[in-house]
Amino acid sequence: MISSYKVLTITHQHLNVDQLDIFAIKESGKALEDRLNSLKSEFGLLELQYLSTCNRVSYLLYTHEDIDIAFVRSFFQSLNAKLEDSVLENIAKYVLVLEGTEAIQHVFELASSMDSLVIGEREIFRQYKESYTHCNTLNLTGDNLRLLERYTCTTAKQVYSETGIGERPISIVSLAIKKFMDTNPSKDARILIVGAGETNTLLGKFLKKHKFQNVTIFNRSLDNAQDLSKLLSAPSFHLSELKNYAKGFDVICICTAANDVIIDQEIYTALLGQDTEEKVLIDLAVPRNIGKDVTDNYPTEYIDIDGLRLLAEENMQFRKKELVKAREIVKENVTSFLTSYQQRQVEKMLAHVPSQIMDVKDRAINKVYKDKLSQLDDTTKDLIEEMMDYMVKKCISVPMKMAKQSVK
């Protein structure tokens, strides 16, 4: 029954992302495998798939059992014995329970990143596939979740290829790099990175991808700059040495946790020396780390977070409009899935028919009509057996064909 597909999911829409882990499985490796097998056994689940990301925790189930509030409470209490009573009493506020067609639609939309915190982010598709592969390897899934995975992947690929849901970047870093690349920089451009936190690490990955190699790093902590320095094979210096840097630059990428300006007009003038060329300044700090006196008085292409945020919002609105097309694709694929699922159930129900028909044939030849057949010549016996083989094939194919047509 299609209603045997169930989904228990907790997302950023129901709970703060830093609280999602109370519904997740804490173990990893063999301990995770044991916990999932224990869940499957304890709650009589025929199949189980577990998916945990930074902004969602989902359990995909195939079970004939009813999923009511009592089941949900028991399920998550088994996962986390330390769940507070207030959470258990209000579990319906946190856990979305879907079944049947709604569950199928939800999984399709999940893998297509239509339900993500960042619409169109393809990472969730990869995470879904890895989740299925892992659970399948552990023999937690079976024919039903296999069929769901096949259609889910087909749907997601179609959504990404036939709509613009994943087009137009919306992350600040990717937008900054795009604007930087629009300036047609030389691969030998002299790039100064000021700050070695998460944002500049992401910038560094883009720079490496685009093969920029002339990079120098400045940071308050040299220890914290080691990873970025290693990533880019770039020298790193203490931030206090920035004002004395005399090798020139073409680009500055800056993002620190400082609450004031790091590069003011005095430091910028020292960095320039006799250079009068326009420079690209990527300032992703809040508040800004490059003084306004710099951008007002020198020729610069200033890329700041405020302008990028506006562009990111415009791009997000574009992606949201593409959801209309994506939902039509999901709707069509849900219908196709339902047909395939019903056909598959018929096939499984009729799977025993061929062997039973063959048994009837063998019994007729070797028992019921054995004596009479022995009185016939070989040519006649061969003809009779050939006719029976023909009838067997028809008796197998006809009900199969009629059953498949009945679910179209």
Protein backbone atom coordinates (compact mmCIF):
# COMPACT_ATOMS: atom_id res chain seq x y z
CA MET A 1 0.00 0.00 0.00
CA ILE A 2 1.24 3.47 -0.86
CA SER A 3 0.29 4.55 2.67
CA SER A 4 3.12 2.37 3.96
CA TYR A 5 5.55 5.12 2.93
CA LYS A 6 6.06 7.35 5.96
CA VAL A 7 8.32 10.32 6.71
CA LEU A 8 9.20 11.77 10.10
CA THR A 9 11.06 15.03 9.59
CA ILE A 10 12.29 17.93 11.69
CA THR A 11 13.64 20.97 9.83
CA HIS A 12 14.69 24.58 10.26
CA GLN A 13 11.00 25.40 9.82
CA HIS A 14 10.11 23.65 13.08
CA LEU A 15 13.12 24.27 15.29
CA ASN A 16 16.29 26.34 15.49
CA VAL A 17 19.03 24.53 13.58
CA ASP A 18 21.22 24.32 16.69
CA GLN A 19 18.46 22.34 18.43
CA LEU A 20 17.88 19.75 15.69
CA ASP A 21 20.39 17.34 17.17
CA ILE A 22 18.02 16.31 19.96
CA PHE A 23 16.12 14.37 17.26
CA ALA A 24 19.23 13.05 15.52
CA ILE A 25 21.30 9.94 16.14
CA LYS A 26 24.50 10.90 17.96
CA GLU A 27 26.44 7.73 17.21
CA SER A 28 28.58 7.07 14.15
CA GLY A 29 30.19 4.06 12.50
CA LYS A 30 29.24 0.68 13.96
CA ALA A 31 27.29 2.34 16.78
CA LEU A 32 25.11 4.15 14.22
CA GLU A 33 24.54 0.89 12.36
CA ASP A 34 23.49 -0.86 15.58
CA ARG A 35 21.16 2.00 16.54
CA LEU A 36 19.43 2.00 13.14
CA ASN A 37 19.01 -1.78 13.19
CA SER A 38 17.63 -1.55 16.70
CA LEU A 39 15.08 1.08 15.60
CA LYS A 40 14.03 -1.03 12.65
CA SER A 41 13.50 -4.06 14.86
CA GLU A 42 11.91 -2.29 17.83
CA PHE A 43 9.26 -0.52 15.77
CA GLY A 44 8.63 -3.27 13.24
CA LEU A 45 9.84 -1.24 10.28
CA LEU A 46 10.13 -3.08 7.00
CA GLU A 47 12.57 -0.52 5.62
CA LEU A 48 14.38 2.50 7.03
CA GLN A 49 16.48 5.38 5.70
CA TYR A 50 18.08 8.02 7.92
CA LEU A 51 19.09 11.49 6.71
CA SER A 52 20.72 14.15 8.87
CA THR A 53 21.99 17.51 7.57
CA CYS A 54 22.78 20.89 9.06
CA ASN A 55 19.14 22.00 8.81
CA ARG A 56 17.06 18.82 8.88
CA VAL A 57 16.70 15.38 10.39
CA SER A 58 14.52 12.92 8.46
CA TYR A 59 13.51 9.29 8.89
CA LEU A 60 12.07 7.61 5.78
CA LEU A 61 10.07 4.55 6.76
CA TYR A 62 8.26 1.79 4.98
CA THR A 63 5.89 0.18 7.44
CA HIS A 64 2.29 -1.03 7.62
CA GLU A 65 2.07 0.27 11.19
CA ASP A 66 -0.01 3.37 11.93
CA ILE A 67 2.07 6.43 12.81
CA ASP A 68 0.23 8.30 15.54
CA ILE A 69 1.48 10.70 18.21
CA ALA A 70 2.10 7.82 20.61
CA PHE A 71 4.33 6.16 18.00
CA VAL A 72 6.25 9.39 17.37
CA ARG A 73 6.84 9.98 21.08
CA SER A 74 8.00 6.42 21.58
CA PHE A 75 10.23 6.56 18.48
CA PHE A 76 12.13 9.66 19.54
CA GLN A 77 12.25 8.71 23.19
CA SER A 78 13.96 5.52 22.08
CA LEU A 79 16.45 7.64 20.15
CA ASN A 80 17.07 10.12 22.94
CA ALA A 81 16.15 9.02 26.47
CA LYS A 82 17.03 12.52 27.71
CA LEU A 83 14.29 14.28 25.74
CA GLU A 84 12.53 16.65 28.09
CA ASP A 85 8.92 15.96 29.00
CA SER A 86 7.90 19.34 27.57
CA VAL A 87 9.33 18.30 24.18
CA LEU A 88 7.58 14.93 24.24
CA GLU A 89 4.27 16.51 25.22
CA ASN A 90 4.51 18.98 22.33
CA ILE A 91 6.20 16.66 19.85
CA ALA A 92 3.63 17.46 17.13
CA LYS A 93 5.04 21.01 17.02
CA TYR A 94 8.47 19.76 16.08
CA VAL A 95 7.98 16.59 14.05
CA LEU A 96 6.18 16.66 10.71
CA VAL A 97 4.57 13.29 9.95
CA LEU A 98 3.71 12.50 6.33
CA GLU A 99 2.50 9.33 4.68
CA GLY A 100 1.51 8.00 1.30
CA THR A 101 1.45 10.48 -1.58
CA GLU A 102 2.37 13.38 0.72
CA ALA A 103 5.46 11.50 1.90
CA ILE A 104 6.53 10.76 -1.68
CA GLN A 105 6.05 14.39 -2.70
CA HIS A 106 8.04 15.58 0.33
CA VAL A 107 11.01 13.35 -0.51
CA PHE A 108 10.99 14.53 -4.14
CA GLU A 109 10.93 18.17 -3.01
CA LEU A 110 13.60 17.52 -0.38
CA ALA A 111 16.13 16.09 -2.87
CA SER A 112 15.28 18.85 -5.35
CA SER A 113 16.15 21.46 -2.71
CA MET A 114 12.69 22.98 -2.87
CA ASP A 115 12.29 22.61 0.89
CA SER A 116 15.80 23.71 1.90
CA LEU A 117 16.92 26.67 3.95
CA VAL A 118 18.70 27.80 0.78
CA ILE A 119 16.40 26.99 -2.14
CA GLY A 120 18.23 25.37 -5.04
CA GLU A 121 21.28 24.32 -3.02
CA ARG A 122 22.34 21.03 -4.63
CA GLU A 123 24.21 19.76 -1.59
CA ILE A 124 21.00 18.21 -0.21
CA PHE A 125 20.73 15.99 -3.32
CA ARG A 126 24.19 14.58 -2.66
CA GLN A 127 23.35 14.07 1.02
CA TYR A 128 20.14 12.25 0.14
CA LYS A 129 21.95 9.88 -2.23
CA GLU A 130 24.68 9.20 0.32
CA SER A 131 22.05 8.54 2.97
CA TYR A 132 20.32 5.97 0.79
CA THR A 133 23.57 4.29 -0.22
CA HIS A 134 24.65 4.01 3.41
CA CYS A 135 21.34 2.57 4.61
CA ASN A 136 21.17 0.22 1.64
CA THR A 137 24.67 -1.04 2.44
CA LEU A 138 23.44 -1.79 5.97
CA ASN A 139 20.47 -3.75 4.52
CA LEU A 140 18.03 -1.30 6.10
CA THR A 141 16.29 -0.56 2.81
CA GLY A 142 14.51 -2.87 0.40
CA ASP A 143 12.54 -2.90 -2.82
CA ASN A 144 10.19 -0.09 -1.80
CA LEU A 145 12.75 2.52 -0.76
CA ARG A 146 14.86 1.43 -3.75
CA LEU A 147 11.98 2.37 -6.07
CA LEU A 148 11.53 5.65 -4.20
CA GLU A 149 15.25 6.46 -4.50
CA ARG A 150 15.19 5.82 -8.24
CA TYR A 151 12.28 8.19 -8.82
CA THR A 152 13.64 10.75 -6.35
CA CYS A 153 16.93 11.00 -8.23
CA THR A 154 15.14 11.24 -11.58
CA THR A 155 12.91 14.01 -10.25
CA ALA A 156 15.73 16.03 -8.70
CA LYS A 157 17.85 15.84 -11.86
CA GLN A 158 14.86 16.96 -13.93
CA VAL A 159 14.15 19.88 -11.59
CA TYR A 160 17.76 21.06 -11.68
CA SER A 161 18.03 20.71 -15.47
CA GLU A 162 14.62 22.05 -16.53
CA THR A 163 14.20 24.96 -14.10
CA GLY A 164 16.39 27.78 -12.87
CA ILE A 165 16.03 26.77 -9.24
CA GLY A 166 19.79 26.32 -8.89
CA GLU A 167 20.80 29.25 -11.07
CA ARG A 168 22.00 32.71 -10.00
CA PRO A 169 24.29 32.41 -6.96
CA ILE A 170 22.91 33.47 -3.60
CA SER A 171 25.81 32.91 -1.23
CA ILE A 172 27.72 36.09 -0.39
CA VAL A 173 31.09 34.50 -1.11
CA SER A 174 30.11 33.08 -4.51
CA LEU A 175 28.57 36.43 -5.48
CA ALA A 176 31.75 38.24 -4.41
CA ILE A 177 33.89 35.92 -6.52
CA LYS A 178 31.54 36.35 -9.49
CA LYS A 179 31.84 40.14 -9.30
CA PHE A 180 35.60 39.78 -8.92
CA MET A 181 35.81 37.50 -11.97
CA ASP A 182 33.74 40.03 -13.94
CA THR A 183 36.72 42.41 -13.62
CA ASN A 184 38.75 39.94 -15.75
CA PRO A 185 41.67 39.64 -13.32
CA SER A 186 45.01 38.21 -14.40
CA LYS A 187 45.89 34.79 -12.97
CA ASP A 188 49.08 36.50 -11.73
CA ALA A 189 47.10 39.11 -9.81
CA ARG A 190 48.72 39.95 -6.47
CA ILE A 191 46.08 39.11 -3.87
CA LEU A 192 46.20 40.04 -0.18
CA ILE A 193 43.87 38.09 2.12
CA VAL A 194 43.28 39.76 5.46
CA GLY A 195 41.65 37.43 7.97
CA ALA A 196 41.61 33.64 7.93
CA GLY A 197 38.12 32.82 9.17
CA GLU A 198 35.36 30.81 7.49
CA THR A 199 34.46 33.47 4.91
CA ASN A 200 38.01 34.00 3.68
CA THR A 201 38.59 30.24 3.71
CA LEU A 202 35.67 29.90 1.28
CA LEU A 203 37.13 32.73 -0.79
CA GLY A 204 40.44 30.90 -0.74
CA LYS A 205 38.83 27.74 -2.13
CA PHE A 206 37.40 29.74 -5.03
CA LEU A 207 40.78 31.37 -5.68
CA LYS A 208 42.44 27.97 -5.76
CA LYS A 209 39.74 26.60 -8.07
CA HIS A 210 40.38 29.48 -10.48
CA LYS A 211 44.17 28.94 -10.21
CA PHE A 212 45.18 32.21 -8.55
CA GLN A 213 48.55 31.54 -6.96
CA ASN A 214 50.06 34.91 -6.06
CA VAL A 215 48.46 35.19 -2.62
CA THR A 216 49.67 36.58 0.71
CA ILE A 217 47.78 36.16 3.99
CA PHE A 218 47.59 38.40 7.05
CA ASN A 219 45.87 37.40 10.27
CA ARG A 220 45.91 38.21 13.99
CA SER A 221 46.80 34.58 14.75
CA LEU A 222 49.38 32.80 12.63
CA ASP A 223 48.22 29.47 14.05
CA ASN A 224 44.70 30.09 12.74
CA ALA A 225 46.08 31.07 9.34
CA GLN A 226 47.91 27.77 8.82
CA ASP A 227 45.06 25.90 7.10
CA LEU A 228 44.39 28.71 4.63
CA SER A 229 48.09 29.16 4.04
CA LYS A 230 48.45 25.46 3.29
CA LEU A 231 45.37 25.46 1.02
CA LEU A 232 46.77 28.24 -1.15
CA SER A 233 50.49 27.47 -0.69
CA ALA A 234 50.74 31.10 0.39
CA PRO A 235 52.93 32.83 3.00
CA SER A 236 51.19 34.21 6.07
CA PHE A 237 52.12 37.12 8.33
CA HIS A 238 50.82 38.70 11.48
CA LEU A 239 48.26 41.44 10.87
CA SER A 240 50.55 44.00 12.48
CA GLU A 241 52.94 43.60 9.52
CA LEU A 242 50.33 44.65 6.95
CA LYS A 243 51.23 48.35 7.14
CA ASN A 244 54.83 47.51 6.27
CA TYR A 245 54.04 45.29 3.27
CA ALA A 246 55.81 46.79 0.25
CA LYS A 247 55.44 44.18 -2.52
CA GLY A 248 52.33 45.75 -4.01
CA PHE A 249 48.87 44.29 -4.63
CA ASP A 250 46.03 44.17 -7.13
CA VAL A 251 43.29 42.74 -4.93
CA ILE A 252 42.47 42.81 -1.24
CA CYS A 253 40.06 40.28 0.26
CA ILE A 254 39.25 41.24 3.83
CA CYS A 255 36.92 39.84 6.46
CA THR A 256 37.78 39.95 10.15
CA ALA A 257 35.84 39.98 13.40
CA ALA A 258 37.10 43.49 14.17
CA ASN A 259 34.46 46.09 15.01
CA ASP A 260 36.43 48.89 13.43
CA VAL A 261 38.34 49.72 10.27
CA ILE A 262 41.48 47.64 9.62
CA ILE A 263 42.65 49.36 6.44
CA ASP A 264 42.35 53.14 6.69
CA GLN A 265 43.68 55.74 4.28
CA GLU A 266 47.10 55.79 5.94
CA ILE A 267 47.65 52.02 5.66
CA TYR A 268 46.17 51.91 2.16
CA THR A 269 48.50 54.67 0.98
CA ALA A 270 51.47 52.76 2.37
CA LEU A 271 50.35 49.57 0.62
CA LEU A 272 50.00 51.40 -2.70
CA GLY A 273 53.40 53.07 -2.66
CA GLN A 274 53.75 54.76 -6.06
CA ASP A 275 51.03 52.62 -7.68
CA THR A 276 48.09 54.58 -9.09
CA GLU A 277 46.17 51.74 -10.76
CA GLU A 278 42.58 50.88 -9.81
CA LYS A 279 42.36 48.04 -7.27
CA VAL A 280 39.69 45.48 -6.47
CA LEU A 281 38.66 45.55 -2.80
CA ILE A 282 36.46 42.70 -1.52
CA ASP A 283 35.23 43.66 1.96
CA LEU A 284 32.87 41.06 3.46
CA ALA A 285 33.11 42.22 7.06
CA VAL A 286 30.32 43.65 9.19
CA PRO A 287 31.01 46.45 9.96
CA ARG A 288 33.25 47.22 7.01
CA ASN A 289 36.99 46.67 7.45
CA ILE A 290 38.09 49.11 4.73
CA GLY A 291 37.61 52.78 5.55
CA LYS A 292 35.22 54.90 3.53
CA ASP A 293 38.03 57.40 3.08
CA VAL A 294 39.82 54.75 1.01
CA THR A 295 36.95 54.07 -1.39
CA ASP A 296 36.12 57.78 -1.64
CA ASN A 297 39.63 58.95 -2.48
CA TYR A 298 41.17 56.16 -4.54
CA PRO A 299 40.18 54.40 -7.78
CA THR A 300 38.72 51.09 -6.61
CA GLU A 301 36.22 48.41 -7.54
CA TYR A 302 34.68 48.05 -4.10
CA ILE A 303 32.73 44.84 -3.50
CA ASP A 304 30.96 45.03 -0.14
CA ILE A 305 28.53 42.83 1.71
CA ASP A 306 25.61 45.28 1.60
CA GLY A 307 25.53 45.36 -2.19
CA LEU A 308 25.96 41.60 -2.37
CA ARG A 309 23.07 41.03 0.02
CA LEU A 310 20.73 42.96 -2.25
CA LEU A 311 21.86 40.89 -5.23
CA ALA A 312 21.52 37.68 -3.22
CA GLU A 313 17.93 38.58 -2.34
CA GLU A 314 17.12 39.33 -5.99
CA ASN A 315 18.55 35.96 -7.00
CA MET A 316 16.64 34.19 -4.25
CA GLN A 317 13.38 35.73 -5.48
CA PHE A 318 14.21 34.42 -8.96
CA ARG A 319 14.74 30.91 -7.55
CA LYS A 320 11.46 31.10 -5.64
CA LYS A 321 9.61 31.90 -8.88
CA GLU A 322 11.15 28.79 -10.42
CA LEU A 323 9.42 26.73 -7.71
CA VAL A 324 6.22 26.92 -9.79
CA LYS A 325 7.87 24.95 -12.61
CA ALA A 326 9.55 22.62 -10.13
CA ARG A 327 6.25 21.74 -8.44
CA GLU A 328 4.75 20.74 -11.79
CA ILE A 329 7.68 18.39 -12.39
CA VAL A 330 7.27 16.89 -8.93
CA LYS A 331 3.53 16.46 -9.47
CA GLU A 332 4.08 14.58 -12.74
CA ASN A 333 6.73 12.35 -11.20
CA VAL A 334 4.58 11.54 -8.17
CA THR A 335 1.89 10.31 -10.56
CA SER A 336 4.43 8.20 -12.45
CA PHE A 337 5.77 6.82 -9.20
CA LEU A 338 2.33 5.78 -8.00
CA THR A 339 1.75 3.86 -11.23
CA SER A 340 5.14 2.15 -11.03
CA TYR A 341 4.61 1.31 -7.38
CA GLN A 342 1.24 -0.32 -8.08
CA GLN A 343 2.68 -2.27 -11.00
CA ARG A 344 5.53 -3.41 -8.81
CA GLN A 345 3.10 -4.67 -6.16
CA VAL A 346 1.21 -6.63 -8.82
CA GLU A 347 4.47 -8.12 -10.09
CA LYS A 348 5.41 -9.22 -6.60
CA MET A 349 1.99 -10.73 -5.98
CA LEU A 350 2.17 -12.65 -9.25
CA ALA A 351 5.81 -13.62 -8.83
CA HIS A 352 4.84 -17.12 -7.68
CA VAL A 353 2.56 -17.75 -10.68
CA PRO A 354 5.23 -19.00 -13.15
CA SER A 355 6.58 -21.66 -10.77
CA GLN A 356 3.07 -22.83 -9.89
CA ILE A 357 2.09 -23.15 -13.54
CA MET A 358 5.30 -25.06 -14.25
CA ASP A 359 4.46 -27.36 -11.34
CA VAL A 360 1.03 -28.05 -12.90
CA LYS A 361 2.65 -28.89 -16.23
CA ASP A 362 5.22 -31.22 -14.65
CA ARG A 363 2.54 -32.97 -12.59
CA ALA A 364 0.39 -33.48 -15.70
CA ILE A 365 3.25 -35.02 -17.66
CA ASN A 366 4.90 -37.05 -14.93
CA LYS A 367 1.87 -38.16 -12.89
CA VAL A 368 -1.65 -37.51 -14.16
CA TYR A 369 -1.10 -38.44 -17.83
CA LYS A 370 2.10 -40.42 -17.43
CA ASP A 371 0.63 -43.78 -18.43
CA LYS A 372 -1.30 -42.43 -21.42
CA LEU A 373 1.69 -40.48 -22.71
CA SER A 374 3.84 -43.59 -22.52
CA GLN A 375 1.59 -45.23 -25.12
CA LEU A 376 2.24 -42.47 -27.66
CA ASP A 377 5.05 -42.32 -30.19
CA ASP A 378 7.88 -39.81 -29.68
CA THR A 379 6.63 -37.39 -32.35
CA THR A 380 3.22 -37.09 -30.70
CA LYS A 381 4.73 -36.73 -27.23
CA ASP A 382 7.04 -33.95 -28.49
CA LEU A 383 4.07 -32.15 -30.05
CA ILE A 384 2.04 -32.37 -26.83
CA GLU A 385 4.95 -31.06 -24.74
CA GLU A 386 5.52 -28.21 -27.21
CA MET A 387 1.82 -27.27 -26.97
CA MET A 388 1.98 -27.38 -23.18
CA ASP A 389 5.07 -25.12 -23.17
CA TYR A 390 3.16 -22.67 -25.35
CA MET A 391 0.18 -22.73 -22.97
CA VAL A 392 2.47 -22.25 -19.97
CA LYS A 393 3.99 -19.10 -21.49
CA LYS A 394 0.54 -17.71 -22.26
CA CYS A 395 -0.79 -18.58 -18.85
CA ILE A 396 2.12 -16.66 -17.34
CA SER A 397 2.09 -13.60 -19.61
CA VAL A 398 -1.65 -12.97 -19.91
CA PRO A 399 -2.41 -12.30 -16.22
CA MET A 400 0.77 -10.24 -15.91
CA LYS A 401 -0.22 -8.07 -18.86
CA MET A 402 -3.81 -7.67 -17.68
CA ALA A 403 -2.71 -6.78 -14.15
CA LYS A 404 -0.33 -4.07 -15.42
CA GLN A 405 -3.04 -2.60 -17.66
CA SER A 406 -5.45 -2.47 -14.75
CA VAL A 407 -3.26 -0.02 -12.84
CA LYS A 408 -2.67 2.40 -15.71
